[in-house]
Protein backbone atom coordinates (compact mmCIF):
# COMPACT_ATOMS: atom_id res chain seq x y z
CA MET A 1 10.95 10.88 -4.59
CA LEU A 2 10.31 10.60 -8.33
CA ASP A 3 8.52 13.40 -10.16
CA GLU A 4 5.42 12.55 -12.17
CA GLU A 5 7.26 12.13 -15.48
CA ALA A 6 9.97 9.92 -13.97
CA ALA A 7 7.35 7.82 -12.18
CA ALA A 8 5.45 7.28 -15.43
CA ARG A 9 8.67 6.21 -17.16
CA SER A 10 9.50 3.79 -14.34
CA PHE A 11 6.08 2.19 -14.58
CA GLN A 12 6.34 1.91 -18.38
CA ASP A 13 9.76 0.28 -18.06
CA PHE A 14 8.42 -2.13 -15.41
CA HIS A 15 5.58 -3.14 -17.72
CA ARG A 16 7.84 -3.49 -20.79
CA VAL A 17 10.68 -5.39 -19.13
CA TRP A 18 8.76 -7.80 -16.88
CA VAL A 19 4.97 -7.68 -17.18
CA GLU A 20 4.58 -7.95 -20.96
CA PRO A 21 7.04 -10.89 -21.34
CA GLU A 22 5.37 -12.75 -18.47
CA LEU A 23 1.90 -12.23 -19.93
CA HIS A 24 3.16 -13.49 -23.29
CA ARG A 25 4.75 -16.53 -21.62
CA ARG A 26 1.50 -17.38 -19.83
CA PHE A 27 -1.08 -16.56 -22.47
CA GLY A 28 0.79 -16.59 -25.79
CA LYS A 29 -0.17 -14.43 -28.75
CA ALA A 30 -3.84 -14.48 -27.75
CA GLY A 31 -3.01 -12.44 -24.68
CA PRO A 32 -4.71 -12.55 -21.28
CA PRO A 33 -8.48 -13.16 -21.07
CA PRO A 34 -10.72 -10.06 -21.07
CA ASP A 35 -11.43 -10.31 -17.34
CA PHE A 36 -7.75 -10.51 -16.33
CA ARG A 37 -6.72 -7.57 -14.16
CA ILE A 38 -3.46 -6.93 -12.32
CA PHE A 39 -3.94 -5.70 -8.77
CA GLN A 40 -0.46 -6.50 -7.53
CA CYS A 41 2.70 -7.79 -9.16
CA LEU A 42 5.94 -8.87 -7.50
CA VAL A 43 9.11 -9.31 -9.54
CA ARG A 44 11.84 -11.14 -7.60
CA LEU A 45 15.37 -10.71 -8.89
CA PRO A 46 17.59 -13.63 -7.79
CA PRO A 47 21.24 -13.13 -8.80
CA HIS A 48 22.34 -14.88 -11.98
CA LYS A 49 18.85 -16.28 -12.57
CA PRO A 50 15.78 -15.16 -14.55
CA ALA A 51 13.34 -12.84 -12.81
CA ILE A 52 10.34 -14.47 -11.12
CA VAL A 53 7.06 -12.66 -11.82
CA ASP A 54 3.89 -13.26 -9.78
CA PHE A 55 0.49 -11.62 -10.08
CA ASN A 56 -2.38 -11.03 -7.67
CA ASP A 57 -3.06 -13.89 -5.23
CA ASP A 58 0.02 -15.78 -6.43
CA VAL A 59 2.34 -13.18 -4.89
CA PRO A 60 4.06 -15.18 -2.10
CA TRP A 61 4.06 -12.75 0.80
CA LYS A 62 4.89 -14.28 4.19
CA MET A 63 2.64 -12.47 6.64
CA ARG A 64 2.38 -12.33 10.39
CA CYS A 65 -1.27 -11.73 11.26
CA LYS A 66 -3.16 -10.82 14.40
CA MET A 67 -5.55 -13.75 14.66
CA ALA A 68 -9.09 -13.43 16.00
CA ASN A 69 -9.66 -14.42 19.61
CA GLY A 70 -10.20 -18.15 19.99
CA THR A 71 -8.69 -18.94 16.59
CA ARG A 72 -6.19 -21.79 16.44
CA VAL A 73 -4.30 -22.44 13.23
CA ASP A 74 -1.71 -25.21 12.98
CA LYS A 75 1.10 -25.31 10.46
CA GLY A 76 -0.25 -26.27 7.06
CA ASP A 77 -3.87 -25.37 7.90
CA PRO A 78 -5.72 -23.05 5.51
CA VAL A 79 -6.43 -19.57 6.92
CA TYR A 80 -9.75 -17.86 6.20
CA LEU A 81 -10.61 -14.19 6.07
CA ASP A 82 -12.86 -14.30 9.13
CA GLN A 83 -9.96 -15.66 11.24
CA ILE A 84 -7.74 -12.61 10.71
CA GLU A 85 -7.99 -9.25 12.46
CA TYR A 86 -5.21 -7.59 10.44
CA VAL A 87 -1.74 -8.10 8.99
CA GLU A 88 0.92 -7.09 11.51
CA SER A 89 4.08 -7.48 9.42
CA VAL A 90 5.42 -8.88 6.18
CA ALA A 91 8.73 -10.64 5.54
CA PRO A 92 10.92 -9.48 2.62
CA PRO A 93 10.76 -11.49 -0.62
CA GLU A 94 12.91 -14.60 -0.87
CA CYS A 95 13.98 -17.14 -3.45
CA GLU A 96 15.10 -20.59 -2.29
CA GLY A 97 15.30 -19.32 1.28
CA GLU A 98 17.50 -16.29 0.49
CA ARG A 99 16.47 -12.64 0.37
CA VAL A 100 16.49 -11.14 -3.11
CA GLY A 101 16.07 -7.76 -4.69
CA PHE A 102 12.61 -7.05 -6.04
CA VAL A 103 10.23 -4.61 -7.67
CA TYR A 104 6.62 -4.56 -6.47
CA ILE A 105 3.59 -2.63 -7.70
CA HIS A 106 0.05 -2.57 -6.36
CA ARG A 107 -3.09 -0.63 -7.07
CA ILE A 108 -4.00 2.27 -4.81
CA ALA A 109 -7.40 3.62 -3.83
CA GLY A 110 -8.85 5.96 -6.42
CA GLY A 111 -6.79 4.59 -9.32
CA GLY A 112 -3.13 4.31 -10.23
CA PHE A 113 -0.33 2.19 -8.80
CA ARG A 114 2.34 2.43 -6.14
CA MET A 115 5.81 1.03 -6.84
CA ILE A 116 8.17 -0.30 -4.15
CA PHE A 117 11.63 -1.62 -4.92
CA GLU A 118 14.71 -2.87 -3.14
CA GLY A 119 17.95 -3.58 -4.94
CA SER A 120 20.43 -6.27 -4.00
CA ALA A 121 22.80 -3.62 -2.60
CA ALA A 122 20.24 -2.86 0.14
CA LEU A 123 20.10 -6.47 1.36
CA PRO A 124 21.82 -7.40 4.65
CA ARG A 125 25.28 -8.93 4.36
CA ALA A 126 25.46 -12.70 4.62
CA ASP A 127 27.81 -12.47 7.59
CA ALA A 128 25.61 -10.04 9.57
CA GLN A 129 25.35 -11.02 13.23
CA GLY A 130 22.34 -10.89 15.53
CA GLU A 131 18.61 -10.78 14.92
CA GLU A 132 17.42 -8.61 12.05
CA SER A 133 15.20 -5.65 12.87
CA LYS A 134 11.77 -5.29 11.31
CA TRP A 135 11.94 -5.00 7.52
CA SER A 136 11.83 -1.30 6.67
CA LEU A 137 9.29 -1.78 3.87
CA SER A 138 6.96 -4.01 5.88
CA ASP A 139 4.52 -1.24 6.81
CA ALA A 140 4.12 -0.13 3.20
CA VAL A 141 3.21 -3.65 2.07
CA CYS A 142 0.99 -4.24 5.13
CA GLU A 143 -1.00 -1.12 4.27
CA TYR A 144 -1.91 -2.61 0.91
CA LEU A 145 -2.64 -6.12 2.19
CA ASN A 146 -4.91 -4.78 4.93
CA ALA A 147 -6.70 -2.69 2.30
CA VAL A 148 -7.21 -5.92 0.29
CA PHE A 149 -8.73 -7.63 3.34
CA PHE A 150 -10.94 -4.57 3.88
CA GLU A 151 -12.21 -4.74 0.29
CA ARG A 152 -12.78 -8.50 0.39
CA THR A 153 -14.80 -8.13 3.59
CA ILE A 154 -16.91 -5.48 1.86
CA ARG A 155 -17.49 -7.79 -1.11
CA PHE A 156 -18.31 -10.69 1.22
CA HIS A 157 -20.77 -8.43 3.04
CA ASP A 158 -22.37 -7.39 -0.26
CA GLU A 159 -23.14 -11.02 -1.03
CA GLN A 160 -24.93 -11.40 2.31
CA GLN A 161 -26.22 -7.83 2.69
CA GLN A 162 -29.93 -8.63 2.80
CA GLY A 163 -29.55 -11.24 5.51
CA LEU A 164 -27.20 -9.05 7.56
CA ALA A 165 -29.57 -6.08 7.39
CA LEU A 166 -32.23 -8.27 9.00
CA ILE A 167 -30.03 -8.61 12.08
CA GLY A 168 -29.08 -4.94 12.03
CA ILE A 169 -25.59 -5.07 10.53
CA TRP A 170 -24.15 -2.95 7.72
CA PRO A 171 -20.51 -2.49 6.52
CA ILE A 172 -19.09 -0.81 9.64
CA PRO A 173 -15.60 0.49 8.75
CA SER A 174 -14.24 0.25 12.30
CA LEU A 175 -15.10 -3.47 12.32
CA ILE A 176 -13.53 -4.31 8.95
CA PRO A 177 -12.09 -6.78 8.32
CA TYR A 178 -12.71 -8.27 11.78
CA PRO A 179 -15.19 -8.90 13.35
CA LEU A 180 -17.46 -7.98 10.43
CA SER A 181 -15.92 -10.81 8.38
CA ARG A 182 -16.74 -13.29 11.15
CA CYS A 183 -20.26 -11.87 11.65
CA THR A 184 -20.86 -12.23 7.92
CA ALA A 185 -19.58 -15.82 7.90
CA LEU A 186 -21.79 -16.69 10.88
CA ALA A 187 -24.84 -15.08 9.30
CA GLN A 188 -24.19 -16.99 6.09
CA LYS A 189 -24.42 -20.21 8.11
CA GLY A 190 -27.61 -19.02 9.83
CA ASN A 191 -25.89 -18.38 13.19
CA HIS A 192 -27.51 -14.97 13.59
CA GLU A 193 -27.57 -14.95 17.37
CA GLU A 194 -23.89 -15.80 17.58
CA ALA A 195 -23.07 -13.04 15.09
CA ARG A 196 -24.94 -10.49 17.21
CA ARG A 197 -23.23 -11.68 20.41
CA LEU A 198 -19.83 -11.33 18.74
CA LEU A 199 -20.67 -7.78 17.69
CA VAL A 200 -21.69 -6.73 21.19
CA GLY A 201 -18.80 -8.54 22.84
CA HIS A 202 -16.25 -6.87 20.58
CA CYS A 203 -17.75 -3.39 20.97
CA SER A 204 -17.36 -3.19 24.74
CA PRO A 205 -17.84 0.11 26.59
CA GLU A 206 -14.05 0.46 26.65
CA TRP A 207 -13.86 -0.08 22.88
CA LEU A 208 -16.57 2.51 22.24
CA GLU A 209 -14.93 5.06 24.53
CA ALA A 210 -11.63 4.53 22.70
CA GLN A 211 -13.31 5.82 19.52
CA LEU A 212 -14.19 9.17 21.12
CA ASP A 213 -10.95 10.98 20.22
CA ARG A 214 -11.47 10.14 16.55
CA TRP A 215 -15.11 11.22 16.65
CA LEU A 216 -14.12 14.56 18.11
CA THR A 217 -11.97 15.34 15.07
CA VAL A 218 -15.27 15.85 13.21
CA ARG A 219 -16.85 19.24 13.78
CA GLU A 220 -20.38 17.87 13.78
CA LEU A 221 -19.40 15.57 16.65
CA ALA A 222 -16.99 17.89 18.45
CA GLU A 223 -19.94 20.26 18.95
CA ARG A 224 -21.72 17.36 20.67
CA ARG A 225 -18.83 16.47 22.98
CA GLU A 226 -20.87 16.67 26.20
CA LEU A 227 -23.77 14.71 24.70
CA LEU A 228 -21.39 11.96 23.56
CA SER A 229 -19.71 11.81 26.98
CA GLN A 230 -23.04 11.49 28.78
CA ALA A 231 -24.34 8.92 26.30
CA LEU A 232 -21.20 6.81 26.71
CA ALA A 233 -21.48 7.08 30.50
CA ALA A 234 -25.10 5.93 30.33
CA HIS A 235 -24.14 2.99 28.11
CA ARG A 236 -21.34 1.95 30.45
CA ALA A 237 -23.80 2.09 33.37
CA GLY A 238 -26.23 -0.19 31.52
CA GLN A 239 -28.72 2.66 31.00
CA TYR A 240 -29.34 1.79 27.39
CA ILE A 241 -32.64 3.65 27.15
CA LEU A 242 -30.89 6.93 27.95
CA ALA A 243 -27.98 6.19 25.61
CA ILE A 244 -30.29 5.36 22.70
CA HIS A 245 -32.48 8.41 23.23
CA ALA A 246 -29.36 10.58 23.36
CA ILE A 247 -27.74 9.23 20.18
CA VAL A 248 -30.52 8.41 17.71
CA PRO A 249 -31.81 11.97 17.01
CA HIS A 250 -28.29 13.19 16.41
CA LEU A 251 -27.63 10.70 13.64
CA GLU A 252 -29.86 12.94 11.54
CA GLY A 253 -28.46 16.05 13.20
CA MET A 254 -24.92 15.24 12.08
CA VAL A 255 -26.06 14.92 8.47
CA SER A 256 -28.09 18.12 8.63
CA ASP A 257 -25.20 20.06 10.14
CA ARG A 258 -22.79 18.95 7.42
CA LEU A 259 -25.25 19.78 4.63
CA SER A 260 -25.98 23.20 6.16
CA ARG A 261 -22.25 23.98 6.01
CA SER A 262 -21.87 22.71 2.47
CA LEU A 263 -24.99 23.99 0.69
CA VAL A 264 -26.88 27.23 0.38
CA PRO A 265 -30.03 27.07 2.58
CA GLU A 266 -32.49 26.73 -0.30
CA ALA A 267 -30.59 23.75 -1.73
CA MET A 268 -30.81 21.68 1.46
CA HIS A 269 -33.66 19.16 1.49
CA PHE A 270 -36.14 18.88 4.35
CA ARG A 271 -36.82 15.16 4.69
CA HIS A 272 -34.22 12.96 6.38
CA ASP A 273 -34.21 10.41 3.55
CA SER A 274 -33.60 13.15 0.99
CA LYS A 275 -30.82 14.64 3.10
CA LEU A 276 -29.12 11.26 3.25
CA GLY A 277 -29.25 11.12 -0.53
CA GLN A 278 -27.59 14.52 -0.69
CA LEU A 279 -24.83 13.43 1.69
CA ARG A 280 -24.30 10.24 -0.34
CA ASP A 281 -23.97 12.22 -3.58
CA MET A 282 -21.52 14.67 -2.00
CA ALA A 283 -19.38 11.86 -0.57
CA LEU A 284 -19.19 10.03 -3.90
CA GLU A 285 -18.76 12.90 -6.33
CA GLY A 286 -15.74 12.69 -8.62
CA ASP A 287 -14.17 9.74 -10.41
CA GLN A 288 -11.41 8.94 -7.90
CA VAL A 289 -13.60 7.35 -5.20
CA ALA A 290 -12.22 4.01 -4.00
CA PHE A 291 -14.47 0.96 -4.34
CA SER A 292 -14.40 0.22 -0.60
CA PHE A 293 -15.42 3.73 0.42
CA ARG A 294 -18.13 3.82 -2.25
CA ARG A 295 -19.63 0.58 -0.97
CA VAL A 296 -19.47 1.73 2.67
CA VAL A 297 -21.38 4.89 1.77
CA GLU A 298 -23.91 3.22 -0.52
CA SER A 299 -24.57 0.26 1.77
CA THR A 300 -24.86 2.44 4.89
CA VAL A 301 -27.35 4.78 3.22
CA ASP A 302 -29.32 1.78 1.92
CA PHE A 303 -29.36 0.27 5.42
CA ILE A 304 -30.74 3.51 6.87
CA LEU A 305 -33.30 4.13 4.13
CA LYS A 306 -34.47 0.56 3.50
CA GLY A 307 -33.65 -1.17 6.77
CA PRO A 308 -34.89 -0.91 10.34
CA VAL A 309 -33.56 2.62 11.01
CA LEU A 310 -36.34 4.52 9.22
CA GLU A 311 -38.97 1.79 8.99
CA THR A 312 -42.34 3.46 9.51
CA PHE A 313 -45.42 2.22 11.32
CA LYS A 314 -48.88 3.54 10.43
CA ASN A 315 -50.68 1.76 13.23
CA TRP A 316 -49.56 2.66 16.76
CA LEU A 317 -50.03 -0.98 17.80
CA ASP A 318 -47.77 -2.35 15.06
CA ASP A 319 -44.52 -4.00 16.15
CA PRO A 320 -41.63 -2.56 14.08
CA ASN A 321 -38.32 -4.30 13.44
CA CYS A 322 -36.31 -4.00 16.65
CA MET A 323 -32.93 -4.99 15.22
CA PHE A 324 -31.96 -1.30 15.38
CA PRO A 325 -33.36 1.55 17.51
CA ASN A 326 -35.98 2.81 15.05
CA ARG A 327 -35.97 6.60 14.63
CA HIS A 328 -39.76 6.87 14.58
CA VAL A 329 -40.25 4.66 17.63
CA VAL A 330 -37.69 6.64 19.63
CA GLY A 331 -38.76 10.04 18.32
CA HIS A 332 -42.50 9.51 18.86
CA GLY A 333 -42.14 8.00 22.30
CA LYS A 334 -43.50 4.53 21.55
CA PHE A 335 -42.03 2.33 24.27
CA ILE A 336 -40.97 -1.16 23.19
CA GLU A 337 -38.81 -2.74 25.85
CA THR A 338 -37.09 -5.13 23.43
CA LEU A 339 -35.80 -2.17 21.42
CA TYR A 340 -33.81 -0.69 24.33
CA THR A 341 -31.13 -3.35 24.60
CA GLU A 342 -27.35 -3.27 24.97
CA GLU A 343 -27.09 -4.54 21.40
CA ASN A 344 -29.15 -1.66 20.02
CA SER A 345 -27.26 0.87 22.10
CA VAL A 346 -24.03 -0.49 20.60
CA LYS A 347 -25.50 -0.30 17.10
CA ALA A 348 -26.56 3.33 17.60
CA PHE A 349 -22.98 4.23 18.48
CA LEU A 350 -21.70 2.18 15.54
CA LEU A 351 -23.91 4.05 13.08
CA LEU A 352 -22.64 7.30 14.54
CA ASP A 353 -19.11 5.91 14.11
CA THR A 354 -19.82 5.03 10.46
CA LEU A 355 -21.16 8.50 9.72
CA ALA A 356 -18.07 9.96 11.38
CA HIS A 357 -15.91 7.76 9.12
CA ILE A 358 -17.73 9.11 6.05
CA LEU A 359 -17.48 12.75 7.17
CA ILE A 360 -13.76 12.39 7.93
CA ALA A 361 -13.14 10.95 4.46
CA MET A 362 -15.11 13.80 2.88
CA GLY A 363 -12.97 16.42 4.62
CA ALA A 364 -14.11 19.77 5.96
CA PRO A 365 -16.56 21.62 3.67
CA ASP A 366 -14.27 24.65 3.38
CA GLY A 367 -11.07 22.63 3.07
CA GLY A 368 -9.95 23.65 6.58
CA SER A 369 -9.75 21.60 9.74
CA GLN A 370 -12.65 19.36 10.72
CA ALA A 371 -12.97 20.23 14.39
CA PRO A 372 -13.95 23.76 15.47
């Protein structure tokens, strides 16, 4: 493990020896265009040959991906973001079919870079027998590539956010990149019903119940363990009315509980919309917040405040947007049968899941453990 000073020197040497000469070769004395940014750079080091430097999307990683159900890709076919669930493994860099030493850097969330390198001495011998085990650095590279897919799905969602909000979808971290990428692509083509069916089909009762252990690492949810268990049981039994009535009030309760543990009483706002603004500001304070997390927080809060979650109705006979179980409809006891669907029960749990994701990323208010 390099100390901070040694790491800074290594990065400076990397930039001086390989990055600067390659930028000069590509762009000449004028230098790269103003909008050119390096997010990843791979330097392959074939023996007795010049180094090969690739930037960003030109980096030639060979990936094995978990493909979405029903996706068929033949050799030579292009692969699109909405066809991939995640990257499972990455093969080591090669040159002309042979493994080579390399140095690789990529950006990390919150700023800065990570450097990974493998010298020629670490490569397997040419006369090695038997099948090679998984490349030891595969997981480190996969982590970055999956983060790239996460961010691209967020950006894709941002382009279609207004249309997706109309069918009750926001950037749900547990569904990124897939199936949110596919839902976004379907919505872009106007296939809203298919997008909603995919969402519900993916988030089966078994899938929702598998999230429970993670939810219970959050104090605000661990204190609601029995409520969550009963709500999940109701959902599994097809009793969506009960599940929705159990979950929806506690979406606000989770936020209020966190604020009450983080602020002095007189600083905590009263209205739900104002409390959401406070939570958003707390989650995004500081200058090291990753783009993806920032957009999840901002888009989720916007969906709640401006979408169907808190949409008000002044006339009791008005028909509100039923693409999400509306807080005011549920809380005031206005019965609209089309609101109490399996889809809306799933979405209530998914909003709870998103808030849990945000609270986990924020950490415990006192710096201790999340769960009581």
